[in-house]
Every structure is written in C-alpha cells, then in structure tokens.
Amino acid sequence: MKHYLDLVSISNKVHRRQSRMTRICIVLAVFLVAVMFGLADMYLKSMTDETRHQTGDWHCKITAIDEKTSEYIAARPEIDLSGWQGNIPAEIGCTVADQPFLLQGLTRQYFLKFI
C-alpha cells in the first residue's frame, strides 16, 4: 500500500453490506423529506381553497375603468365596499430626508372602513 486512499477499496470490500444499507437509508430519508414537504404544500393549498370557499375572495383591484363602470360594480349586491385608490410611486423621485417614499390616497368611505 503506497497511499492511504488504497484503504478505501479495502474498506469497501469488508463493509459492502453496511455500505449498501447506508445508501438505502439515505435514499429513504430523502424520499421521506420530499413526501413531508409535498404533504405540507397540499395542506396549505387545501386550507387556502377551503377558506376561499367559505368566506370568498374578499378583495379585488380593478384598473383603468370609468365612473359609470365603477358605479355598476358598486351597485352589485355582493359588493360590500368599493372606492378609489391612487398612488404616486417612489420611483419618480419622491423623497423625505433622502428616503424614497410612496404617496397613496383613498376615498373617504374606503379609508374610514380601515380605521
């Protein structure tokens, strides 16, 4: 034996069954972890769908409509609250104390609902 790496082949011959069992255990552990994450993902998706089924989607943002269309939408019986929202993005250069900020506005009835 000229090199210590020659011990790898000798150890492999002696511990062949143990090495096979180690590989099997590693493969089973990887499958177990994959199954657990898959089950967790399915659980979260089903809970989200069940909540939507029971309570409905409670918000929706519609853009580029006129006043008449917004009145039609607000008049529907399943609509609890509707209002207008506008914003000025921080990307246009609005800053306060050298910190960029977003300026946002809401109609009064929409704003008072969340206070």
N, C-alpha and C. Protein backbone atom coordinates (compact mmCIF):
# COMPACT_ATOMS: atom_id res chain seq x y z
N MET A 1 0.86 -1.16 0.00
CA MET A 1 0.00 0.00 0.00
C MET A 1 0.91 1.23 0.00
N LYS A 2 0.80 2.01 -1.06
CA LYS A 2 1.64 3.19 -1.20
C LYS A 2 0.94 4.46 -0.76
N HIS A 3 -0.37 4.41 -0.72
CA HIS A 3 -1.12 5.62 -0.42
C HIS A 3 -2.29 5.27 0.50
N TYR A 4 -2.68 6.22 1.35
CA TYR A 4 -3.76 5.94 2.30
C TYR A 4 -5.12 5.79 1.61
N LEU A 5 -5.26 6.30 0.39
CA LEU A 5 -6.53 6.16 -0.33
C LEU A 5 -6.76 4.72 -0.81
N ASP A 6 -5.72 3.91 -0.77
CA ASP A 6 -5.90 2.49 -1.11
C ASP A 6 -6.76 1.79 -0.07
N LEU A 7 -6.87 2.37 1.12
CA LEU A 7 -7.71 1.79 2.17
C LEU A 7 -9.19 1.84 1.81
N VAL A 8 -9.58 2.77 0.93
CA VAL A 8 -10.99 2.92 0.57
C VAL A 8 -11.49 1.64 -0.10
N SER A 9 -10.75 1.10 -1.05
CA SER A 9 -11.19 -0.11 -1.73
C SER A 9 -11.21 -1.31 -0.78
N ILE A 10 -10.26 -1.39 0.13
CA ILE A 10 -10.24 -2.49 1.10
C ILE A 10 -11.43 -2.37 2.05
N SER A 11 -11.69 -1.17 2.55
CA SER A 11 -12.83 -0.95 3.44
C SER A 11 -14.14 -1.22 2.73
N ASN A 12 -14.20 -0.88 1.45
CA ASN A 12 -15.41 -1.11 0.67
C ASN A 12 -15.72 -2.60 0.55
N LYS A 13 -14.69 -3.43 0.38
CA LYS A 13 -14.87 -4.87 0.28
C LYS A 13 -15.33 -5.46 1.61
N VAL A 14 -14.76 -4.98 2.70
CA VAL A 14 -15.08 -5.53 4.01
C VAL A 14 -16.48 -5.11 4.46
N HIS A 15 -16.87 -3.88 4.20
CA HIS A 15 -18.14 -3.33 4.70
C HIS A 15 -19.17 -3.15 3.58
N ARG A 16 -19.22 -4.08 2.63
CA ARG A 16 -20.12 -3.96 1.49
C ARG A 16 -21.60 -3.91 1.90
N ARG A 17 -22.03 -4.79 2.80
CA ARG A 17 -23.43 -4.80 3.22
C ARG A 17 -23.79 -3.56 4.02
N GLN A 18 -22.90 -3.11 4.87
CA GLN A 18 -23.15 -1.91 5.67
C GLN A 18 -23.25 -0.69 4.75
N SER A 19 -22.41 -0.63 3.73
CA SER A 19 -22.44 0.49 2.79
C SER A 19 -23.75 0.51 2.00
N ARG A 20 -24.23 -0.67 1.60
CA ARG A 20 -25.49 -0.77 0.87
C ARG A 20 -26.64 -0.30 1.74
N MET A 21 -26.64 -0.72 3.02
CA MET A 21 -27.69 -0.31 3.94
C MET A 21 -27.66 1.20 4.17
N THR A 22 -26.48 1.79 4.24
CA THR A 22 -26.36 3.24 4.42
C THR A 22 -26.97 3.97 3.24
N ARG A 23 -26.68 3.50 2.02
CA ARG A 23 -27.26 4.13 0.83
C ARG A 23 -28.78 4.01 0.81
N ILE A 24 -29.29 2.86 1.19
CA ILE A 24 -30.74 2.66 1.23
C ILE A 24 -31.37 3.61 2.25
N CYS A 25 -30.75 3.75 3.41
CA CYS A 25 -31.28 4.66 4.44
C CYS A 25 -31.27 6.10 3.97
N ILE A 26 -30.23 6.51 3.27
CA ILE A 26 -30.15 7.88 2.75
C ILE A 26 -31.25 8.11 1.72
N VAL A 27 -31.45 7.16 0.81
CA VAL A 27 -32.50 7.30 -0.20
C VAL A 27 -33.87 7.38 0.46
N LEU A 28 -34.14 6.52 1.44
CA LEU A 28 -35.42 6.57 2.13
C LEU A 28 -35.62 7.89 2.88
N ALA A 29 -34.57 8.42 3.48
CA ALA A 29 -34.68 9.70 4.19
C ALA A 29 -34.99 10.83 3.21
N VAL A 30 -34.37 10.82 2.05
CA VAL A 30 -34.64 11.86 1.05
C VAL A 30 -36.10 11.77 0.57
N PHE A 31 -36.57 10.55 0.31
CA PHE A 31 -37.97 10.38 -0.09
C PHE A 31 -38.92 10.84 1.01
N LEU A 32 -38.60 10.53 2.26
CA LEU A 32 -39.45 10.94 3.38
C LEU A 32 -39.55 12.46 3.48
N VAL A 33 -38.43 13.15 3.33
CA VAL A 33 -38.44 14.61 3.38
C VAL A 33 -39.24 15.18 2.21
N ALA A 34 -39.07 14.60 1.01
CA ALA A 34 -39.83 15.07 -0.15
C ALA A 34 -41.33 14.87 0.05
N VAL A 35 -41.71 13.74 0.61
CA VAL A 35 -43.13 13.48 0.86
C VAL A 35 -43.68 14.45 1.90
N MET A 36 -42.92 14.71 2.96
CA MET A 36 -43.40 15.62 4.00
C MET A 36 -43.62 17.03 3.44
N PHE A 37 -42.68 17.52 2.64
CA PHE A 37 -42.86 18.85 2.06
C PHE A 37 -44.03 18.86 1.07
N GLY A 38 -44.23 17.77 0.33
CA GLY A 38 -45.37 17.68 -0.57
C GLY A 38 -46.68 17.71 0.19
N LEU A 39 -46.75 16.97 1.32
CA LEU A 39 -47.96 16.97 2.13
C LEU A 39 -48.23 18.34 2.74
N ALA A 40 -47.18 19.00 3.21
CA ALA A 40 -47.35 20.34 3.79
C ALA A 40 -47.86 21.31 2.73
N ASP A 41 -47.34 21.23 1.51
CA ASP A 41 -47.79 22.10 0.43
C ASP A 41 -49.25 21.83 0.08
N MET A 42 -49.62 20.55 -0.02
CA MET A 42 -51.02 20.21 -0.31
C MET A 42 -51.95 20.68 0.81
N TYR A 43 -51.51 20.58 2.06
CA TYR A 43 -52.32 21.03 3.19
C TYR A 43 -52.56 22.54 3.10
N LEU A 44 -51.50 23.30 2.85
CA LEU A 44 -51.67 24.76 2.75
C LEU A 44 -52.58 25.14 1.59
N LYS A 45 -52.43 24.49 0.45
CA LYS A 45 -53.29 24.79 -0.69
C LYS A 45 -54.75 24.45 -0.39
N SER A 46 -54.98 23.30 0.26
CA SER A 46 -56.36 22.92 0.55
C SER A 46 -56.99 23.85 1.58
N MET A 47 -56.21 24.30 2.58
CA MET A 47 -56.74 25.24 3.56
C MET A 47 -57.05 26.58 2.92
N THR A 48 -56.22 27.04 2.00
CA THR A 48 -56.48 28.28 1.28
C THR A 48 -57.75 28.16 0.44
N ASP A 49 -57.89 27.05 -0.27
CA ASP A 49 -59.09 26.85 -1.07
C ASP A 49 -60.34 26.75 -0.21
N GLU A 50 -60.25 26.07 0.94
CA GLU A 50 -61.40 25.94 1.83
C GLU A 50 -61.81 27.30 2.40
N THR A 51 -60.82 28.12 2.78
CA THR A 51 -61.13 29.46 3.30
C THR A 51 -61.79 30.30 2.22
N ARG A 52 -61.28 30.22 0.99
CA ARG A 52 -61.91 30.96 -0.11
C ARG A 52 -63.33 30.46 -0.37
N HIS A 53 -63.53 29.15 -0.23
CA HIS A 53 -64.86 28.59 -0.45
C HIS A 53 -65.85 29.06 0.63
N GLN A 54 -65.38 29.12 1.88
CA GLN A 54 -66.26 29.52 2.98
C GLN A 54 -66.51 31.02 3.03
N THR A 55 -65.45 31.81 2.85
CA THR A 55 -65.58 33.25 3.03
C THR A 55 -65.50 34.03 1.72
N GLY A 56 -65.07 33.42 0.66
CA GLY A 56 -64.95 34.10 -0.62
C GLY A 56 -63.67 34.92 -0.71
N ASP A 57 -63.35 35.35 -1.90
CA ASP A 57 -62.23 36.26 -2.09
C ASP A 57 -62.73 37.65 -1.70
N TRP A 58 -62.09 38.24 -0.74
CA TRP A 58 -62.65 39.45 -0.16
C TRP A 58 -62.09 40.73 -0.74
N HIS A 59 -61.23 40.66 -1.72
CA HIS A 59 -60.76 41.89 -2.32
C HIS A 59 -60.45 41.67 -3.80
N CYS A 60 -60.53 42.74 -4.53
CA CYS A 60 -60.24 42.71 -5.95
C CYS A 60 -59.87 44.13 -6.37
N LYS A 61 -58.83 44.26 -7.16
CA LYS A 61 -58.42 45.57 -7.64
C LYS A 61 -58.65 45.62 -9.15
N ILE A 62 -59.43 46.60 -9.58
CA ILE A 62 -59.75 46.76 -10.99
C ILE A 62 -59.15 48.09 -11.43
N THR A 63 -58.44 48.07 -12.52
CA THR A 63 -57.78 49.28 -13.00
C THR A 63 -58.36 49.71 -14.35
N ALA A 64 -58.15 50.96 -14.66
CA ALA A 64 -58.50 51.56 -15.96
C ALA A 64 -59.99 51.44 -16.28
N ILE A 65 -60.84 51.88 -15.34
CA ILE A 65 -62.28 51.92 -15.61
C ILE A 65 -62.78 53.35 -15.39
N ASP A 66 -63.95 53.64 -15.95
CA ASP A 66 -64.52 54.97 -15.78
C ASP A 66 -65.52 54.99 -14.62
N GLU A 67 -66.07 56.16 -14.35
CA GLU A 67 -67.00 56.34 -13.22
C GLU A 67 -68.26 55.49 -13.38
N LYS A 68 -68.80 55.41 -14.58
CA LYS A 68 -70.03 54.67 -14.81
C LYS A 68 -69.84 53.18 -14.54
N THR A 69 -68.73 52.63 -15.00
CA THR A 69 -68.44 51.22 -14.76
C THR A 69 -68.24 50.96 -13.27
N SER A 70 -67.58 51.87 -12.57
CA SER A 70 -67.38 51.68 -11.13
C SER A 70 -68.71 51.74 -10.38
N GLU A 71 -69.64 52.58 -10.86
CA GLU A 71 -70.96 52.62 -10.23
C GLU A 71 -71.72 51.32 -10.43
N TYR A 72 -71.60 50.72 -11.62
CA TYR A 72 -72.23 49.41 -11.87
C TYR A 72 -71.66 48.34 -10.95
N ILE A 73 -70.36 48.36 -10.78
CA ILE A 73 -69.71 47.36 -9.92
C ILE A 73 -70.13 47.57 -8.47
N ALA A 74 -70.14 48.81 -8.00
CA ALA A 74 -70.51 49.10 -6.61
C ALA A 74 -71.98 48.79 -6.33
N ALA A 75 -72.84 48.82 -7.35
CA ALA A 75 -74.26 48.56 -7.16
C ALA A 75 -74.60 47.08 -7.05
N ARG A 76 -73.66 46.21 -7.35
CA ARG A 76 -73.93 44.77 -7.27
C ARG A 76 -74.18 44.37 -5.82
N PRO A 77 -75.10 43.45 -5.55
CA PRO A 77 -75.45 43.11 -4.16
C PRO A 77 -74.34 42.43 -3.38
N GLU A 78 -73.42 41.74 -4.05
CA GLU A 78 -72.35 41.05 -3.32
C GLU A 78 -71.16 41.95 -2.99
N ILE A 79 -71.18 43.20 -3.41
CA ILE A 79 -70.10 44.14 -3.14
C ILE A 79 -70.41 44.87 -1.83
N ASP A 80 -69.56 44.69 -0.83
CA ASP A 80 -69.74 45.36 0.46
C ASP A 80 -69.14 46.76 0.47
N LEU A 81 -68.01 46.93 -0.18
CA LEU A 81 -67.30 48.20 -0.12
C LEU A 81 -66.55 48.40 -1.42
N SER A 82 -66.61 49.61 -1.94
CA SER A 82 -65.82 49.95 -3.12
C SER A 82 -65.34 51.38 -2.97
N GLY A 83 -64.25 51.68 -3.61
CA GLY A 83 -63.71 53.03 -3.53
C GLY A 83 -62.58 53.21 -4.53
N TRP A 84 -62.06 54.42 -4.57
CA TRP A 84 -60.98 54.76 -5.49
C TRP A 84 -59.68 54.84 -4.72
N GLN A 85 -58.63 54.42 -5.38
CA GLN A 85 -57.30 54.47 -4.81
C GLN A 85 -56.34 55.00 -5.87
N GLY A 86 -55.42 55.83 -5.44
CA GLY A 86 -54.40 56.32 -6.35
C GLY A 86 -53.07 56.40 -5.63
N ASN A 87 -51.99 56.30 -6.38
CA ASN A 87 -50.68 56.42 -5.74
C ASN A 87 -49.66 57.06 -6.67
N ILE A 88 -48.67 57.64 -6.06
CA ILE A 88 -47.52 58.19 -6.76
C ILE A 88 -46.34 57.33 -6.36
N PRO A 89 -45.75 56.57 -7.29
CA PRO A 89 -44.70 55.62 -6.92
C PRO A 89 -43.41 56.31 -6.50
N ALA A 90 -42.64 55.62 -5.68
CA ALA A 90 -41.38 56.16 -5.18
C ALA A 90 -40.34 56.29 -6.29
N GLU A 91 -40.54 55.55 -7.38
CA GLU A 91 -39.55 55.55 -8.46
C GLU A 91 -39.45 56.89 -9.20
N ILE A 92 -40.45 57.76 -9.04
CA ILE A 92 -40.39 59.04 -9.76
C ILE A 92 -39.53 60.07 -9.03
N GLY A 93 -39.06 59.73 -7.83
CA GLY A 93 -38.12 60.60 -7.15
C GLY A 93 -38.65 61.30 -5.92
N CYS A 94 -39.77 60.87 -5.37
CA CYS A 94 -40.29 61.47 -4.13
C CYS A 94 -39.41 61.04 -2.97
N THR A 95 -38.89 62.01 -2.22
CA THR A 95 -38.04 61.68 -1.07
C THR A 95 -38.37 62.58 0.11
N VAL A 96 -38.17 62.04 1.30
CA VAL A 96 -38.26 62.79 2.54
C VAL A 96 -37.02 62.42 3.33
N ALA A 97 -36.21 63.42 3.67
CA ALA A 97 -34.95 63.19 4.37
C ALA A 97 -34.10 62.17 3.61
N ASP A 98 -34.03 62.32 2.31
CA ASP A 98 -33.26 61.45 1.42
C ASP A 98 -33.71 59.99 1.44
N GLN A 99 -34.94 59.73 1.86
CA GLN A 99 -35.51 58.39 1.83
C GLN A 99 -36.67 58.38 0.84
N PRO A 100 -36.66 57.46 -0.15
CA PRO A 100 -37.77 57.41 -1.10
C PRO A 100 -39.06 56.95 -0.41
N PHE A 101 -40.19 57.47 -0.86
CA PHE A 101 -41.46 57.06 -0.28
C PHE A 101 -42.54 57.03 -1.35
N LEU A 102 -43.61 56.30 -1.04
CA LEU A 102 -44.76 56.16 -1.90
C LEU A 102 -45.90 56.98 -1.31
N LEU A 103 -46.53 57.78 -2.13
CA LEU A 103 -47.67 58.59 -1.70
C LEU A 103 -48.93 57.92 -2.22
N GLN A 104 -49.86 57.63 -1.30
CA GLN A 104 -51.06 56.90 -1.68
C GLN A 104 -52.29 57.60 -1.13
N GLY A 105 -53.39 57.59 -1.89
CA GLY A 105 -54.63 58.21 -1.45
C GLY A 105 -55.82 57.31 -1.69
N LEU A 106 -56.84 57.45 -0.82
CA LEU A 106 -58.07 56.66 -0.90
C LEU A 106 -59.27 57.59 -0.76
N THR A 107 -60.42 57.14 -1.24
CA THR A 107 -61.63 57.90 -1.00
C THR A 107 -61.99 57.81 0.48
N ARG A 108 -62.76 58.77 0.95
CA ARG A 108 -63.05 58.87 2.39
C ARG A 108 -63.75 57.63 2.94
N GLN A 109 -64.80 57.14 2.27
CA GLN A 109 -65.53 55.98 2.79
C GLN A 109 -64.65 54.74 2.85
N TYR A 110 -63.78 54.59 1.87
CA TYR A 110 -62.87 53.45 1.82
C TYR A 110 -61.83 53.57 2.94
N PHE A 111 -61.33 54.76 3.15
CA PHE A 111 -60.34 54.99 4.20
C PHE A 111 -60.93 54.76 5.59
N LEU A 112 -62.13 55.26 5.84
CA LEU A 112 -62.75 55.13 7.17
C LEU A 112 -63.08 53.69 7.53
N LYS A 113 -63.24 52.84 6.56
CA LYS A 113 -63.55 51.43 6.81
C LYS A 113 -62.37 50.73 7.52
N PHE A 114 -61.15 51.19 7.26
CA PHE A 114 -59.96 50.52 7.79
C PHE A 114 -59.39 51.21 9.02
N ILE A 115 -60.05 52.18 9.54
CA ILE A 115 -59.56 52.85 10.76
C ILE A 115 -60.09 52.15 11.97
